[in-house]
Amino acid sequence: MKYWVLLDFETASATDLKKAGAWKYSECPTTEILCAGYQEQTRGPFLWHPGDTDTYLNSLAADPNAIFIAFNAAFEKAIWRNIMVPSFGFPDIPNERWHDVQAVAAMKVIPQDMGGAAQVLGLVEQKTDFDIKKLSRPSKAKKTLGEYDRSPATLAEVDSYCLQDVVTEVEM
């Protein structure tokens, strides 16, 4: 029996996502996954971080009955295929197992940004604000790669932001 898994990545990169597009962004060697939030139809939400040995997320990806849902699934699909599979050994998720909530919103003439869509739909769970781009910009004093803010406090903010995105998308 088919079931859904909602997936949301938080990433950082020296590459500008809006200029490069999801696929080129995901191929950039500086692009890193900060965390992935996910919720299976009856369980979650959960967080995955690089280095975690999360066999549950792996088993969901390997299950042909799991349909992966995302708001702008092209982004999650690109990150999955170009980082999760080669760098972390996760199985590929075929195209027919992806579903794009943003495309459904477009079809129903709902705003194309998750925050706007959540607001128009009057969801209880609203998207929160967090400038994820700040994690891709070094401070003025630090100009080299690898000197970005990865403090535990900042990464905890990213985790909280990602989990809120997951619960907002699930309600959507």
Protein backbone atom coordinates (compact mmCIF):
# COMPACT_ATOMS: atom_id res chain seq x y z
CA MET A 1 0.00 0.00 0.00
CA LYS A 2 1.33 3.46 -0.96
CA TYR A 3 2.11 6.00 1.75
CA TRP A 4 3.75 9.41 1.81
CA VAL A 5 6.99 10.75 3.25
CA LEU A 6 7.45 14.49 3.41
CA LEU A 7 11.08 15.60 2.95
CA ASP A 8 12.73 18.99 3.43
CA PHE A 9 16.45 19.78 3.17
CA GLU A 10 18.29 22.74 4.64
CA THR A 11 21.52 23.39 2.81
CA ALA A 12 24.26 25.97 2.43
CA SER A 13 26.58 26.73 -0.46
CA ALA A 14 28.84 29.35 -1.95
CA THR A 15 26.64 29.00 -5.06
CA ASP A 16 23.57 31.23 -5.37
CA LEU A 17 20.59 28.88 -5.68
CA LYS A 18 18.39 31.41 -7.48
CA LYS A 19 21.06 32.14 -10.09
CA ALA A 20 22.29 28.56 -10.60
CA GLY A 21 19.05 26.58 -10.26
CA ALA A 22 18.55 23.51 -8.09
CA TRP A 23 20.51 21.00 -10.17
CA LYS A 24 23.70 23.08 -10.63
CA TYR A 25 23.47 24.20 -7.00
CA SER A 26 23.35 20.57 -5.86
CA GLU A 27 26.39 19.73 -8.00
CA CYS A 28 28.55 22.50 -6.53
CA PRO A 29 31.32 21.05 -4.34
CA THR A 30 30.64 23.74 -1.70
CA THR A 31 26.99 22.73 -1.29
CA GLU A 32 26.43 20.96 2.00
CA ILE A 33 23.41 19.48 3.70
CA LEU A 34 22.89 20.99 7.14
CA CYS A 35 19.94 18.73 7.93
CA ALA A 36 16.96 16.95 6.43
CA GLY A 37 13.59 16.99 8.07
CA TYR A 38 11.13 14.26 7.21
CA GLN A 39 7.85 12.82 8.32
CA GLU A 40 6.37 9.52 7.31
CA GLN A 41 2.59 9.37 7.04
CA THR A 42 2.16 7.92 10.55
CA ARG A 43 5.47 8.85 12.25
CA GLY A 44 7.60 11.91 12.80
CA PRO A 45 8.80 14.50 12.27
CA PHE A 46 12.44 13.43 12.36
CA LEU A 47 15.76 15.10 11.62
CA TRP A 48 18.70 13.59 9.77
CA HIS A 49 22.18 15.13 9.84
CA PRO A 50 25.24 14.23 7.78
CA GLY A 51 27.00 11.41 9.58
CA ASP A 52 23.82 10.01 11.15
CA THR A 53 23.33 6.31 10.65
CA ASP A 54 19.59 6.64 10.12
CA THR A 55 18.37 3.32 8.83
CA TYR A 56 14.72 4.50 8.95
CA LEU A 57 15.21 7.20 6.30
CA ASN A 58 17.23 4.71 4.26
CA SER A 59 14.45 2.12 4.47
CA LEU A 60 11.85 4.69 3.40
CA ALA A 61 13.94 5.63 0.37
CA ALA A 62 14.33 1.97 -0.55
CA ASP A 63 10.60 1.20 -0.19
CA PRO A 64 8.84 1.34 -3.59
CA ASN A 65 5.57 2.16 -1.77
CA ALA A 66 6.93 5.38 -0.24
CA ILE A 67 6.01 8.51 -2.21
CA PHE A 68 8.29 11.44 -1.36
CA ILE A 69 6.53 14.79 -1.12
CA ALA A 70 8.21 18.20 -1.05
CA PHE A 71 7.41 21.84 -1.69
CA ASN A 72 9.46 22.40 -4.87
CA ALA A 73 10.43 18.74 -5.18
CA ALA A 74 13.00 19.55 -7.89
CA PHE A 75 15.25 20.94 -5.17
CA GLU A 76 14.90 17.96 -2.82
CA LYS A 77 15.32 15.56 -5.75
CA ALA A 78 18.53 17.31 -6.88
CA ILE A 79 20.00 17.29 -3.36
CA TRP A 80 18.98 13.65 -2.91
CA ARG A 81 20.50 12.50 -6.20
CA ASN A 82 23.66 14.59 -6.17
CA ILE A 83 24.54 14.49 -2.47
CA MET A 84 22.54 11.91 -0.49
CA VAL A 85 23.15 9.06 -2.95
CA PRO A 86 26.86 9.50 -3.75
CA SER A 87 28.05 11.02 -0.46
CA PHE A 88 25.94 9.13 2.08
CA GLY A 89 25.04 5.92 0.25
CA PHE A 90 21.26 6.34 0.20
CA PRO A 91 19.36 4.60 -2.60
CA ASP A 92 18.02 6.72 -5.45
CA ILE A 93 14.34 7.60 -5.41
CA PRO A 94 12.86 7.23 -8.92
CA ASN A 95 11.01 10.17 -10.48
CA GLU A 96 7.63 8.44 -10.26
CA ARG A 97 7.97 8.40 -6.45
CA TRP A 98 8.22 12.19 -6.12
CA HIS A 99 5.24 14.53 -5.69
CA ASP A 100 5.54 18.34 -5.75
CA VAL A 101 3.24 20.33 -3.43
CA GLN A 102 4.35 23.58 -5.08
CA ALA A 103 3.09 22.30 -8.44
CA VAL A 104 -0.27 21.50 -6.85
CA ALA A 105 -0.34 25.01 -5.37
CA ALA A 106 0.34 26.47 -8.84
CA MET A 107 -2.46 24.41 -10.32
CA LYS A 108 -4.84 25.76 -7.65
CA VAL A 109 -3.60 29.37 -8.01
CA ILE A 110 -2.09 29.42 -4.52
CA PRO A 111 1.13 31.42 -3.92
CA GLN A 112 4.31 29.69 -5.05
CA ASP A 113 6.22 30.36 -1.86
CA MET A 114 5.55 28.14 1.12
CA GLY A 115 5.01 31.04 3.54
CA GLY A 116 2.52 32.72 1.21
CA ALA A 117 0.72 29.45 0.54
CA ALA A 118 0.46 28.65 4.27
CA GLN A 119 -0.91 32.13 4.94
CA VAL A 120 -3.50 32.04 2.13
CA LEU A 121 -4.62 28.57 3.22
CA GLY A 122 -4.99 29.78 6.83
CA LEU A 123 -2.87 26.95 8.19
CA VAL A 124 -2.35 26.60 11.92
CA GLU A 125 1.31 25.76 11.24
CA GLN A 126 2.95 28.74 9.51
CA LYS A 127 6.41 28.96 7.99
CA THR A 128 8.89 30.69 10.28
CA ASP A 129 11.53 33.21 9.25
CA PHE A 130 15.19 32.30 9.22
CA ASP A 131 17.78 33.66 6.82
CA ILE A 132 19.32 30.33 5.79
CA LYS A 133 21.50 32.25 3.32
CA LYS A 134 23.50 33.68 6.22
CA LEU A 135 25.03 30.23 6.60
CA SER A 136 26.50 30.53 3.11
CA ARG A 137 28.10 33.93 3.64
CA PRO A 138 31.28 34.25 5.66
CA SER A 139 31.51 37.16 8.07
CA LYS A 140 33.49 40.14 6.79
CA ALA A 141 36.44 38.97 8.89
CA LYS A 142 36.31 35.41 7.50
CA LYS A 143 36.56 35.10 3.74
CA THR A 144 37.65 31.49 3.22
CA LEU A 145 35.47 28.45 2.74
CA GLY A 146 34.86 26.54 5.92
CA GLU A 147 34.71 29.63 8.10
CA TYR A 148 30.95 29.96 8.06
CA ASP A 149 28.86 30.00 11.21
CA ARG A 150 28.30 26.40 12.23
CA SER A 151 27.99 27.04 15.94
CA PRO A 152 25.75 24.69 17.92
CA ALA A 153 23.31 27.55 18.57
CA THR A 154 23.00 28.39 14.87
CA LEU A 155 22.66 24.75 13.85
CA ALA A 156 19.95 24.32 16.51
CA GLU A 157 18.11 27.24 14.86
CA VAL A 158 18.43 25.50 11.48
CA ASP A 159 17.03 22.29 12.96
CA SER A 160 14.07 24.14 14.47
CA TYR A 161 13.43 25.98 11.20
CA CYS A 162 13.56 22.72 9.22
CA LEU A 163 11.17 20.92 11.59
CA GLN A 164 8.73 23.84 11.36
CA ASP A 165 8.88 23.62 7.55
CA VAL A 166 8.05 19.92 7.81
CA VAL A 167 5.00 20.41 10.02
CA THR A 168 3.82 23.32 7.84
CA GLU A 169 4.17 21.22 4.68
CA VAL A 170 2.42 18.26 6.30
CA GLU A 171 -0.56 20.46 7.16
CA MET A 172 -0.50 21.94 3.66
